[in-house]
PDB file of all heavy atoms in Angstrom:
ATOM      1  N   ASP A   1       0.815  -1.211   0.000  1.00  0.00           N
ATOM      2  CA  ASP A   1       0.000   0.000   0.000  1.00  0.00           C
ATOM      3  C   ASP A   1       0.856   1.271   0.000  1.00  0.00           C
ATOM      4  O   ASP A   1       0.404   2.330  -0.424  1.00  0.00           O
ATOM      5  CB  ASP A   1      -0.965   0.006   1.186  1.00  0.00           C
ATOM      6  CG  ASP A   1      -0.253  -0.189   2.524  1.00  0.00           C
ATOM      7  OD1 ASP A   1       0.879  -0.685   2.513  1.00  0.00           O
ATOM      8  OD2 ASP A   1      -0.863   0.139   3.561  1.00  0.00           O
ATOM      9  N   ASP A   2       2.112   1.202   0.395  1.00  0.00           N
ATOM     10  CA  ASP A   2       3.020   2.356   0.350  1.00  0.00           C
ATOM     11  C   ASP A   2       3.767   2.450  -0.983  1.00  0.00           C
ATOM     12  O   ASP A   2       4.319   3.498  -1.315  1.00  0.00           O
ATOM     13  CB  ASP A   2       4.056   2.279   1.471  1.00  0.00           C
ATOM     14  CG  ASP A   2       3.440   2.481   2.842  1.00  0.00           C
ATOM     15  OD1 ASP A   2       2.335   3.070   2.896  1.00  0.00           O
ATOM     16  OD2 ASP A   2       4.052   2.059   3.839  1.00  0.00           O
ATOM     17  N   ALA A   3       3.798   1.388  -1.756  1.00  0.00           N
ATOM     18  CA  ALA A   3       4.570   1.353  -2.997  1.00  0.00           C
ATOM     19  C   ALA A   3       3.847   2.020  -4.159  1.00  0.00           C
ATOM     20  O   ALA A   3       4.472   2.340  -5.176  1.00  0.00           O
ATOM     21  CB  ALA A   3       4.911  -0.087  -3.360  1.00  0.00           C
ATOM     22  N   GLY A   4       2.559   2.247  -4.040  1.00  0.00           N
ATOM     23  CA  GLY A   4       1.768   2.810  -5.140  1.00  0.00           C
ATOM     24  C   GLY A   4       2.331   4.079  -5.741  1.00  0.00           C
ATOM     25  O   GLY A   4       2.490   4.174  -6.967  1.00  0.00           O
ATOM     26  N   PRO A   5       2.652   5.085  -4.959  1.00  0.00           N
ATOM     27  CA  PRO A   5       3.199   6.319  -5.547  1.00  0.00           C
ATOM     28  C   PRO A   5       4.526   6.107  -6.267  1.00  0.00           C
ATOM     29  O   PRO A   5       4.790   6.750  -7.282  1.00  0.00           O
ATOM     30  CB  PRO A   5       3.396   7.239  -4.330  1.00  0.00           C
ATOM     31  CG  PRO A   5       2.472   6.707  -3.289  1.00  0.00           C
ATOM     32  CD  PRO A   5       2.385   5.233  -3.533  1.00  0.00           C
ATOM     33  N   TYR A   6       5.342   5.195  -5.774  1.00  0.00           N
ATOM     34  CA  TYR A   6       6.621   4.922  -6.435  1.00  0.00           C
ATOM     35  C   TYR A   6       6.412   4.225  -7.777  1.00  0.00           C
ATOM     36  O   TYR A   6       7.095   4.535  -8.754  1.00  0.00           O
ATOM     37  CB  TYR A   6       7.520   4.071  -5.529  1.00  0.00           C
ATOM     38  CG  TYR A   6       7.908   4.795  -4.269  1.00  0.00           C
ATOM     39  CD1 TYR A   6       7.332   4.453  -3.043  1.00  0.00           C
ATOM     40  CD2 TYR A   6       8.835   5.829  -4.300  1.00  0.00           C
ATOM     41  CE1 TYR A   6       7.679   5.124  -1.880  1.00  0.00           C
ATOM     42  CE2 TYR A   6       9.191   6.510  -3.145  1.00  0.00           C
ATOM     43  CZ  TYR A   6       8.605   6.150  -1.947  1.00  0.00           C
ATOM     44  OH  TYR A   6       8.944   6.823  -0.801  1.00  0.00           O
ATOM     45  N   VAL A   7       5.463   3.316  -7.825  1.00  0.00           N
ATOM     46  CA  VAL A   7       5.150   2.632  -9.086  1.00  0.00           C
ATOM     47  C   VAL A   7       4.594   3.642 -10.083  1.00  0.00           C
ATOM     48  O   VAL A   7       4.993   3.658 -11.252  1.00  0.00           O
ATOM     49  CB  VAL A   7       4.154   1.468  -8.848  1.00  0.00           C
ATOM     50  CG1 VAL A   7       3.689   0.885 -10.164  1.00  0.00           C
ATOM     51  CG2 VAL A   7       4.794   0.395  -7.982  1.00  0.00           C
ATOM     52  N   ALA A   8       3.685   4.491  -9.641  1.00  0.00           N
ATOM     53  CA  ALA A   8       3.127   5.517 -10.519  1.00  0.00           C
ATOM     54  C   ALA A   8       4.229   6.453 -11.013  1.00  0.00           C
ATOM     55  O   ALA A   8       4.267   6.820 -12.197  1.00  0.00           O
ATOM     56  CB  ALA A   8       2.041   6.300  -9.787  1.00  0.00           C
ATOM     57  N   GLY A   9       5.129   6.835 -10.146  1.00  0.00           N
ATOM     58  CA  GLY A   9       6.243   7.697 -10.534  1.00  0.00           C
ATOM     59  C   GLY A   9       7.141   7.030 -11.561  1.00  0.00           C
ATOM     60  O   GLY A   9       7.588   7.664 -12.521  1.00  0.00           O
ATOM     61  N   ALA A  10       7.401   5.739 -11.357  1.00  0.00           N
ATOM     62  CA  ALA A  10       8.232   5.006 -12.307  1.00  0.00           C
ATOM     63  C   ALA A  10       7.562   4.955 -13.679  1.00  0.00           C
ATOM     64  O   ALA A  10       8.218   5.128 -14.714  1.00  0.00           O
ATOM     65  CB  ALA A  10       8.501   3.599 -11.797  1.00  0.00           C
ATOM     66  N   TYR A  11       6.259   4.722 -13.709  1.00  0.00           N
ATOM     67  CA  TYR A  11       5.530   4.714 -14.982  1.00  0.00           C
ATOM     68  C   TYR A  11       5.561   6.089 -15.633  1.00  0.00           C
ATOM     69  O   TYR A  11       5.725   6.208 -16.859  1.00  0.00           O
ATOM     70  CB  TYR A  11       4.079   4.251 -14.791  1.00  0.00           C
ATOM     71  CG  TYR A  11       3.931   2.748 -14.806  1.00  0.00           C
ATOM     72  CD1 TYR A  11       3.583   2.056 -13.645  1.00  0.00           C
ATOM     73  CD2 TYR A  11       4.131   2.024 -15.961  1.00  0.00           C
ATOM     74  CE1 TYR A  11       3.447   0.682 -13.653  1.00  0.00           C
ATOM     75  CE2 TYR A  11       4.000   0.647 -15.981  1.00  0.00           C
ATOM     76  CZ  TYR A  11       3.650  -0.024 -14.822  1.00  0.00           C
ATOM     77  OH  TYR A  11       3.515  -1.385 -14.834  1.00  0.00           O
ATOM     78  N   LEU A  12       5.418   7.144 -14.859  1.00  0.00           N
ATOM     79  CA  LEU A  12       5.464   8.497 -15.419  1.00  0.00           C
ATOM     80  C   LEU A  12       6.833   8.801 -16.024  1.00  0.00           C
ATOM     81  O   LEU A  12       6.926   9.381 -17.113  1.00  0.00           O
ATOM     82  CB  LEU A  12       5.112   9.522 -14.350  1.00  0.00           C
ATOM     83  CG  LEU A  12       3.638   9.604 -13.958  1.00  0.00           C
ATOM     84  CD1 LEU A  12       3.458  10.569 -12.794  1.00  0.00           C
ATOM     85  CD2 LEU A  12       2.797  10.036 -15.144  1.00  0.00           C
ATOM     86  N   VAL A  13       7.886   8.404 -15.353  1.00  0.00           N
ATOM     87  CA  VAL A  13       9.230   8.603 -15.889  1.00  0.00           C
ATOM     88  C   VAL A  13       9.408   7.810 -17.177  1.00  0.00           C
ATOM     89  O   VAL A  13       9.954   8.315 -18.169  1.00  0.00           O
ATOM     90  CB  VAL A  13      10.302   8.216 -14.843  1.00  0.00           C
ATOM     91  CG1 VAL A  13      11.691   8.150 -15.469  1.00  0.00           C
ATOM     92  CG2 VAL A  13      10.275   9.190 -13.679  1.00  0.00           C
ATOM     93  N   PHE A  14       8.934   6.579 -17.187  1.00  0.00           N
ATOM     94  CA  PHE A  14       9.034   5.738 -18.380  1.00  0.00           C
ATOM     95  C   PHE A  14       8.286   6.362 -19.554  1.00  0.00           C
ATOM     96  O   PHE A  14       8.822   6.456 -20.670  1.00  0.00           O
ATOM     97  CB  PHE A  14       8.480   4.340 -18.070  1.00  0.00           C
ATOM     98  CG  PHE A  14       8.501   3.408 -19.235  1.00  0.00           C
ATOM     99  CD1 PHE A  14       9.689   2.877 -19.700  1.00  0.00           C
ATOM    100  CD2 PHE A  14       7.322   3.054 -19.875  1.00  0.00           C
ATOM    101  CE1 PHE A  14       9.714   2.013 -20.788  1.00  0.00           C
ATOM    102  CE2 PHE A  14       7.330   2.199 -20.949  1.00  0.00           C
ATOM    103  CZ  PHE A  14       8.527   1.683 -21.408  1.00  0.00           C
ATOM    104  N   VAL A  15       7.069   6.822 -19.331  1.00  0.00           N
ATOM    105  CA  VAL A  15       6.276   7.442 -20.399  1.00  0.00           C
ATOM    106  C   VAL A  15       6.944   8.732 -20.867  1.00  0.00           C
ATOM    107  O   VAL A  15       6.992   9.016 -22.073  1.00  0.00           O
ATOM    108  CB  VAL A  15       4.831   7.696 -19.921  1.00  0.00           C
ATOM    109  CG1 VAL A  15       4.073   8.576 -20.896  1.00  0.00           C
ATOM    110  CG2 VAL A  15       4.103   6.378 -19.733  1.00  0.00           C
ATOM    111  N   ALA A  16       7.498   9.510 -19.949  1.00  0.00           N
ATOM    112  CA  ALA A  16       8.194  10.744 -20.328  1.00  0.00           C
ATOM    113  C   ALA A  16       9.404  10.437 -21.205  1.00  0.00           C
ATOM    114  O   ALA A  16       9.636  11.120 -22.211  1.00  0.00           O
ATOM    115  CB  ALA A  16       8.616  11.512 -19.077  1.00  0.00           C
ATOM    116  N   LEU A  17      10.163   9.406 -20.857  1.00  0.00           N
ATOM    117  CA  LEU A  17      11.324   9.025 -21.667  1.00  0.00           C
ATOM    118  C   LEU A  17      10.900   8.577 -23.063  1.00  0.00           C
ATOM    119  O   LEU A  17      11.555   8.914 -24.056  1.00  0.00           O
ATOM    120  CB  LEU A  17      12.128   7.932 -20.966  1.00  0.00           C
ATOM    121  CG  LEU A  17      12.897   8.372 -19.731  1.00  0.00           C
ATOM    122  CD1 LEU A  17      13.534   7.169 -19.040  1.00  0.00           C
ATOM    123  CD2 LEU A  17      13.955   9.393 -20.104  1.00  0.00           C
ATOM    124  N   ILE A  18       9.807   7.831 -23.143  1.00  0.00           N
ATOM    125  CA  ILE A  18       9.320   7.393 -24.462  1.00  0.00           C
ATOM    126  C   ILE A  18       8.877   8.598 -25.288  1.00  0.00           C
ATOM    127  O   ILE A  18       9.162   8.674 -26.483  1.00  0.00           O
ATOM    128  CB  ILE A  18       8.189   6.367 -24.303  1.00  0.00           C
ATOM    129  CG1 ILE A  18       8.781   5.081 -23.768  1.00  0.00           C
ATOM    130  CG2 ILE A  18       7.446   6.165 -25.608  1.00  0.00           C
ATOM    131  CD1 ILE A  18       7.983   3.856 -23.925  1.00  0.00           C
ATOM    132  N   LEU A  19       8.191   9.546 -24.675  1.00  0.00           N
ATOM    133  CA  LEU A  19       7.766  10.745 -25.401  1.00  0.00           C
ATOM    134  C   LEU A  19       8.965  11.562 -25.884  1.00  0.00           C
ATOM    135  O   LEU A  19       8.962  12.068 -27.015  1.00  0.00           O
ATOM    136  CB  LEU A  19       6.865  11.602 -24.524  1.00  0.00           C
ATOM    137  CG  LEU A  19       5.458  11.058 -24.286  1.00  0.00           C
ATOM    138  CD1 LEU A  19       4.719  11.944 -23.292  1.00  0.00           C
ATOM    139  CD2 LEU A  19       4.694  10.959 -25.589  1.00  0.00           C
ATOM    140  N   ILE A  20       9.983  11.673 -25.067  1.00  0.00           N
ATOM    141  CA  ILE A  20      11.197  12.386 -25.480  1.00  0.00           C
ATOM    142  C   ILE A  20      11.851  11.676 -26.652  1.00  0.00           C
ATOM    143  O   ILE A  20      12.254  12.307 -27.639  1.00  0.00           O
ATOM    144  CB  ILE A  20      12.167  12.530 -24.293  1.00  0.00           C
ATOM    145  CG1 ILE A  20      11.582  13.490 -23.261  1.00  0.00           C
ATOM    146  CG2 ILE A  20      13.546  12.992 -24.750  1.00  0.00           C
ATOM    147  CD1 ILE A  20      12.316  13.509 -21.938  1.00  0.00           C
ATOM    148  N   TYR A  21      11.936  10.354 -26.590  1.00  0.00           N
ATOM    149  CA  TYR A  21      12.532   9.567 -27.668  1.00  0.00           C
ATOM    150  C   TYR A  21      11.756   9.747 -28.967  1.00  0.00           C
ATOM    151  O   TYR A  21      12.345   9.985 -30.029  1.00  0.00           O
ATOM    152  CB  TYR A  21      12.580   8.096 -27.263  1.00  0.00           C
ATOM    153  CG  TYR A  21      13.051   7.184 -28.363  1.00  0.00           C
ATOM    154  CD1 TYR A  21      14.402   7.077 -28.678  1.00  0.00           C
ATOM    155  CD2 TYR A  21      12.142   6.424 -29.103  1.00  0.00           C
ATOM    156  CE1 TYR A  21      14.836   6.246 -29.684  1.00  0.00           C
ATOM    157  CE2 TYR A  21      12.566   5.589 -30.115  1.00  0.00           C
ATOM    158  CZ  TYR A  21      13.917   5.509 -30.404  1.00  0.00           C
ATOM    159  OH  TYR A  21      14.336   4.693 -31.412  1.00  0.00           O
ATOM    160  N   VAL A  22      10.437   9.663 -28.897  1.00  0.00           N
ATOM    161  CA  VAL A  22       9.604   9.813 -30.095  1.00  0.00           C
ATOM    162  C   VAL A  22       9.754  11.218 -30.673  1.00  0.00           C
ATOM    163  O   VAL A  22       9.824  11.389 -31.896  1.00  0.00           O
ATOM    164  CB  VAL A  22       8.127   9.487 -29.768  1.00  0.00           C
ATOM    165  CG1 VAL A  22       7.196   9.915 -30.882  1.00  0.00           C
ATOM    166  CG2 VAL A  22       7.968   8.004 -29.481  1.00  0.00           C
ATOM    167  N   THR A  23       9.836  12.224 -29.824  1.00  0.00           N
ATOM    168  CA  THR A  23      10.024  13.595 -30.299  1.00  0.00           C
ATOM    169  C   THR A  23      11.360  13.749 -31.021  1.00  0.00           C
ATOM    170  O   THR A  23      11.423  14.367 -32.087  1.00  0.00           O
ATOM    171  CB  THR A  23       9.955  14.580 -29.112  1.00  0.00           C
ATOM    172  OG1 THR A  23       8.698  14.419 -28.452  1.00  0.00           O
ATOM    173  CG2 THR A  23      10.125  16.009 -29.560  1.00  0.00           C
ATOM    174  N   ILE A  24      12.408  13.181 -30.460  1.00  0.00           N
ATOM    175  CA  ILE A  24      13.722  13.256 -31.100  1.00  0.00           C
ATOM    176  C   ILE A  24      13.694  12.548 -32.454  1.00  0.00           C
ATOM    177  O   ILE A  24      14.203  13.063 -33.451  1.00  0.00           O
ATOM    178  CB  ILE A  24      14.806  12.658 -30.178  1.00  0.00           C
ATOM    179  CG1 ILE A  24      15.022  13.574 -28.979  1.00  0.00           C
ATOM    180  CG2 ILE A  24      16.118  12.446 -30.930  1.00  0.00           C
ATOM    181  CD1 ILE A  24      15.888  12.964 -27.885  1.00  0.00           C
ATOM    182  N   MET A  25      13.084  11.367 -32.510  1.00  0.00           N
ATOM    183  CA  MET A  25      13.015  10.628 -33.770  1.00  0.00           C
ATOM    184  C   MET A  25      12.178  11.370 -34.812  1.00  0.00           C
ATOM    185  O   MET A  25      12.530  11.399 -35.994  1.00  0.00           O
ATOM    186  CB  MET A  25      12.426   9.227 -33.540  1.00  0.00           C
ATOM    187  CG  MET A  25      13.342   8.295 -32.786  1.00  0.00           C
ATOM    188  SD  MET A  25      14.872   8.002 -33.663  1.00  0.00           S
ATOM    189  CE  MET A  25      16.040   8.713 -32.557  1.00  0.00           C
ATOM    190  N   ALA A  26      11.091  12.006 -34.394  1.00  0.00           N
ATOM    191  CA  ALA A  26      10.254  12.768 -35.332  1.00  0.00           C
ATOM    192  C   ALA A  26      11.017  13.964 -35.878  1.00  0.00           C
ATOM    193  O   ALA A  26      10.917  14.291 -37.071  1.00  0.00           O
ATOM    194  CB  ALA A  26       8.976  13.219 -34.637  1.00  0.00           C
ATOM    195  N   THR A  27      11.804  14.609 -35.034  1.00  0.00           N
ATOM    196  CA  THR A  27      12.610  15.744 -35.480  1.00  0.00           C
ATOM    197  C   THR A  27      13.646  15.294 -36.501  1.00  0.00           C
ATOM    198  O   THR A  27      13.831  15.938 -37.538  1.00  0.00           O
ATOM    199  CB  THR A  27      13.304  16.404 -34.273  1.00  0.00           C
ATOM    200  OG1 THR A  27      12.306  16.783 -33.325  1.00  0.00           O
ATOM    201  CG2 THR A  27      14.111  17.619 -34.684  1.00  0.00           C
ATOM    202  N   LYS A  28      14.314  14.193 -36.213  1.00  0.00           N
ATOM    203  CA  LYS A  28      15.309  13.678 -37.153  1.00  0.00           C
ATOM    204  C   LYS A  28      14.663  13.266 -38.472  1.00  0.00           C
ATOM    205  O   LYS A  28      15.212  13.521 -39.544  1.00  0.00           O
ATOM    206  CB  LYS A  28      16.047  12.484 -36.542  1.00  0.00           C
ATOM    207  CG  LYS A  28      17.040  12.869 -35.488  1.00  0.00           C
ATOM    208  CD  LYS A  28      17.803  11.657 -34.990  1.00  0.00           C
ATOM    209  CE  LYS A  28      18.838  12.060 -33.977  1.00  0.00           C
ATOM    210  NZ  LYS A  28      19.689  10.934 -33.585  1.00  0.00           N
ATOM    211  N   LEU A  29      13.498  12.637 -38.392  1.00  0.00           N
ATOM    212  CA  LEU A  29      12.801  12.206 -39.603  1.00  0.00           C
ATOM    213  C   LEU A  29      12.406  13.397 -40.458  1.00  0.00           C
ATOM    214  O   LEU A  29      12.578  13.373 -41.678  1.00  0.00           O
ATOM    215  CB  LEU A  29      11.566  11.375 -39.237  1.00  0.00           C
ATOM    216  CG  LEU A  29      10.739  10.851 -40.408  1.00  0.00           C
ATOM    217  CD1 LEU A  29      11.575   9.921 -41.277  1.00  0.00           C
ATOM    218  CD2 LEU A  29       9.518  10.130 -39.888  1.00  0.00           C
ATOM    219  N   SER A  30      11.905  14.458 -39.847  1.00  0.00           N
ATOM    220  CA  SER A  30      11.514  15.625 -40.630  1.00  0.00           C
ATOM    221  C   SER A  30      12.734  16.285 -41.268  1.00  0.00           C
ATOM    222  O   SER A  30      12.665  16.751 -42.410  1.00  0.00           O
ATOM    223  CB  SER A  30      10.743  16.624 -39.765  1.00  0.00           C
ATOM    224  OG  SER A  30      11.576  17.195 -38.799  1.00  0.00           O
ATOM    225  N   ARG A  31      13.860  16.300 -40.575  1.00  0.00           N
ATOM    226  CA  ARG A  31      15.082  16.858 -41.155  1.00  0.00           C
ATOM    227  C   ARG A  31      15.548  16.020 -42.342  1.00  0.00           C
ATOM    228  O   ARG A  31      15.906  16.556 -43.397  1.00  0.00           O
ATOM    229  CB  ARG A  31      16.191  16.930 -40.104  1.00  0.00           C
ATOM    230  CG  ARG A  31      17.499  17.512 -40.651  1.00  0.00           C
ATOM    231  CD  ARG A  31      18.591  17.570 -39.589  1.00  0.00           C
ATOM    232  NE  ARG A  31      18.761  16.356 -38.841  1.00  0.00           N
ATOM    233  CZ  ARG A  31      19.509  15.315 -39.233  1.00  0.00           C
ATOM    234  NH1 ARG A  31      20.148  15.356 -40.390  1.00  0.00           N
ATOM    235  NH2 ARG A  31      19.637  14.247 -38.475  1.00  0.00           N
ATOM    236  N   ILE A  32      15.500  14.715 -42.199  1.00  0.00           N
ATOM    237  CA  ILE A  32      15.910  13.829 -43.289  1.00  0.00           C
ATOM    238  C   ILE A  32      14.972  13.986 -44.479  1.00  0.00           C
ATOM    239  O   ILE A  32      15.413  14.010 -45.635  1.00  0.00           O
ATOM    240  CB  ILE A  32      15.964  12.369 -42.801  1.00  0.00           C
ATOM    241  CG1 ILE A  32      17.150  12.200 -41.846  1.00  0.00           C
ATOM    242  CG2 ILE A  32      16.077  11.405 -43.967  1.00  0.00           C
ATOM    243  CD1 ILE A  32      17.187  10.867 -41.132  1.00  0.00           C
ATOM    244  N   GLU A  33      13.665  14.104 -44.234  1.00  0.00           N
ATOM    245  CA  GLU A  33      12.713  14.303 -45.326  1.00  0.00           C
ATOM    246  C   GLU A  33      12.993  15.610 -46.055  1.00  0.00           C
ATOM    247  O   GLU A  33      12.949  15.674 -47.279  1.00  0.00           O
ATOM    248  CB  GLU A  33      11.284  14.293 -44.799  1.00  0.00           C
ATOM    249  CG  GLU A  33      10.791  12.922 -44.413  1.00  0.00           C
ATOM    250  CD  GLU A  33       9.400  12.933 -43.812  1.00  0.00           C
ATOM    251  OE1 GLU A  33       8.872  14.027 -43.509  1.00  0.00           O
ATOM    252  OE2 GLU A  33       8.840  11.844 -43.650  1.00  0.00           O
ATOM    253  N   ARG A  34      13.289  16.681 -45.305  1.00  0.00           N
ATOM    254  CA  ARG A  34      13.612  17.969 -45.918  1.00  0.00           C
ATOM    255  C   ARG A  34      14.849  17.852 -46.799  1.00  0.00           C
ATOM    256  O   ARG A  34      14.885  18.356 -47.931  1.00  0.00           O
ATOM    257  CB  ARG A  34      13.860  18.996 -44.813  1.00  0.00           C
ATOM    258  CG  ARG A  34      12.915  20.141 -44.808  1.00  0.00           C
ATOM    259  CD  ARG A  34      13.262  21.253 -43.832  1.00  0.00           C
ATOM    260  NE  ARG A  34      14.260  21.004 -42.825  1.00  0.00           N
ATOM    261  CZ  ARG A  34      14.025  20.638 -41.563  1.00  0.00           C
ATOM    262  NH1 ARG A  34      12.797  20.447 -41.154  1.00  0.00           N
ATOM    263  NH2 ARG A  34      15.003  20.462 -40.712  1.00  0.00           N
ATOM    264  N   GLU A  35      15.878  17.180 -46.287  1.00  0.00           N
ATOM    265  CA  GLU A  35      17.105  17.011 -47.061  1.00  0.00           C
ATOM    266  C   GLU A  35      16.864  16.164 -48.296  1.00  0.00           C
ATOM    267  O   GLU A  35      17.436  16.428 -49.359  1.00  0.00           O
ATOM    268  CB  GLU A  35      18.190  16.394 -46.188  1.00  0.00           C
ATOM    269  CG  GLU A  35      18.709  17.327 -45.115  1.00  0.00           C
ATOM    270  CD  GLU A  35      19.716  16.679 -44.183  1.00  0.00           C
ATOM    271  OE1 GLU A  35      19.971  15.466 -44.330  1.00  0.00           O
ATOM    272  OE2 GLU A  35      20.232  17.383 -43.307  1.00  0.00           O
ATOM    273  N   LEU A  36      16.012  15.158 -48.181  1.00  0.00           N
ATOM    274  CA  LEU A  36      15.701  14.305 -49.323  1.00  0.00           C
ATOM    275  C   LEU A  36      14.970  15.087 -50.406  1.00  0.00           C
ATOM    276  O   LEU A  36      15.273  14.938 -51.604  1.00  0.00           O
ATOM    277  CB  LEU A  36      14.864  13.109 -48.867  1.00  0.00           C
ATOM    278  CG  LEU A  36      14.602  12.020 -49.895  1.00  0.00           C
ATOM    279  CD1 LEU A  36      15.911  11.460 -50.418  1.00  0.00           C
ATOM    280  CD2 LEU A  36      13.775  10.924 -49.268  1.00  0.00           C
ATOM    281  N   VAL A  37      14.042  15.940 -50.023  1.00  0.00           N
ATOM    282  CA  VAL A  37      13.335  16.782 -50.995  1.00  0.00           C
ATOM    283  C   VAL A  37      14.324  17.713 -51.683  1.00  0.00           C
ATOM    284  O   VAL A  37      14.288  17.886 -52.908  1.00  0.00           O
ATOM    285  CB  VAL A  37      12.201  17.578 -50.303  1.00  0.00           C
ATOM    286  CG1 VAL A  37      11.683  18.683 -51.194  1.00  0.00           C
ATOM    287  CG2 VAL A  37      11.086  16.648 -49.894  1.00  0.00           C
ATOM    288  N   GLU A  38      15.226  18.295 -50.905  1.00  0.00           N
ATOM    289  CA  GLU A  38      16.227  19.195 -51.475  1.00  0.00           C
ATOM    290  C   GLU A  38      17.123  18.454 -52.470  1.00  0.00           C
ATOM    291  O   GLU A  38      17.407  18.961 -53.559  1.00  0.00           O
ATOM    292  CB  GLU A  38      17.065  19.803 -50.356  1.00  0.00           C
ATOM    293  CG  GLU A  38      18.079  20.818 -50.821  1.00  0.00           C
ATOM    294  CD  GLU A  38      18.878  21.385 -49.659  1.00  0.00           C
ATOM    295  OE1 GLU A  38      18.336  21.485 -48.548  1.00  0.00           O
ATOM    296  OE2 GLU A  38      20.057  21.739 -49.883  1.00  0.00           O
ATOM    297  N   LEU A  39      17.544  17.256 -52.104  1.00  0.00           N
ATOM    298  CA  LEU A  39      18.389  16.472 -53.014  1.00  0.00           C
ATOM    299  C   LEU A  39      17.653  16.095 -54.292  1.00  0.00           C
ATOM    300  O   LEU A  39      18.213  16.168 -55.389  1.00  0.00           O
ATOM    301  CB  LEU A  39      18.887  15.210 -52.308  1.00  0.00           C
ATOM    302  CG  LEU A  39      20.011  15.409 -51.304  1.00  0.00           C
ATOM    303  CD1 LEU A  39      20.289  14.109 -50.560  1.00  0.00           C
ATOM    304  CD2 LEU A  39      21.263  15.897 -51.991  1.00  0.00           C
ATOM    305  N   SER A  40      16.390  15.711 -54.168  1.00  0.00           N
ATOM    306  CA  SER A  40      15.637  15.341 -55.370  1.00  0.00           C
ATOM    307  C   SER A  40      15.431  16.548 -56.278  1.00  0.00           C
ATOM    308  O   SER A  40      15.481  16.423 -57.507  1.00  0.00           O
ATOM    309  CB  SER A  40      14.299  14.702 -55.004  1.00  0.00           C
ATOM    310  OG  SER A  40      13.456  15.627 -54.380  1.00  0.00           O
ATOM    311  N   GLU A  41      15.239  17.738 -55.695  1.00  0.00           N
ATOM    312  CA  GLU A  41      15.127  18.949 -56.512  1.00  0.00           C
ATOM    313  C   GLU A  41      16.436  19.246 -57.223  1.00  0.00           C
ATOM    314  O   GLU A  41      16.440  19.631 -58.402  1.00  0.00           O
ATOM    315  CB  GLU A  41      14.712  20.135 -55.648  1.00  0.00           C
ATOM    316  CG  GLU A  41      13.280  20.070 -55.170  1.00  0.00           C
ATOM    317  CD  GLU A  41      12.938  21.156 -54.171  1.00  0.00           C
ATOM    318  OE1 GLU A  41      13.843  21.926 -53.759  1.00  0.00           O
ATOM    319  OE2 GLU A  41      11.749  21.229 -53.796  1.00  0.00           O
ATOM    320  N   LEU A  42      17.557  19.057 -56.537  1.00  0.00           N
ATOM    321  CA  LEU A  42      18.858  19.262 -57.178  1.00  0.00           C
ATOM    322  C   LEU A  42      19.062  18.295 -58.338  1.00  0.00           C
ATOM    323  O   LEU A  42      19.550  18.681 -59.405  1.00  0.00           O
ATOM    324  CB  LEU A  42      19.981  19.092 -56.153  1.00  0.00           C
ATOM    325  CG  LEU A  42      20.178  20.227 -55.158  1.00  0.00           C
ATOM    326  CD1 LEU A  42      21.187  19.815 -54.086  1.00  0.00           C
ATOM    327  CD2 LEU A  42      20.626  21.485 -55.851  1.00  0.00           C
ATOM    328  N   VAL A  43      18.675  17.056 -58.155  1.00  0.00           N
ATOM    329  CA  VAL A  43      18.814  16.056 -59.218  1.00  0.00           C
ATOM    330  C   VAL A  43      17.927  16.413 -60.401  1.00  0.00           C
ATOM    331  O   VAL A  43      18.347  16.314 -61.563  1.00  0.00           O
ATOM    332  CB  VAL A  43      18.482  14.642 -58.675  1.00  0.00           C
ATOM    333  CG1 VAL A  43      18.324  13.651 -59.810  1.00  0.00           C
ATOM    334  CG2 VAL A  43      19.554  14.188 -57.714  1.00  0.00           C
ATOM    335  N   GLU A  44      16.694  16.849 -60.124  1.00  0.00           N
ATOM    336  CA  GLU A  44      15.796  17.229 -61.214  1.00  0.00           C
ATOM    337  C   GLU A  44      16.353  18.413 -62.001  1.00  0.00           C
ATOM    338  O   GLU A  44      16.312  18.425 -63.234  1.00  0.00           O
ATOM    339  CB  GLU A  44      14.418  17.580 -60.663  1.00  0.00           C
ATOM    340  CG  GLU A  44      13.615  16.383 -60.213  1.00  0.00           C
ATOM    341  CD  GLU A  44      12.291  16.772 -59.601  1.00  0.00           C
ATOM    342  OE1 GLU A  44      11.867  17.947 -59.745  1.00  0.00           O
ATOM    343  OE2 GLU A  44      11.667  15.903 -58.970  1.00  0.00           O
TER     344      GLU A  44
END
């Protein structure tokens, strides 16, 4: 009955880390997509 807040805190930290990871990956993906569009325009 005392462990509940610690378990909830651990889950919150885990979810926060996953959200940070997804944000970083989305940023990298958008940068790569931008560079790919630029390269395809140069080739055209």
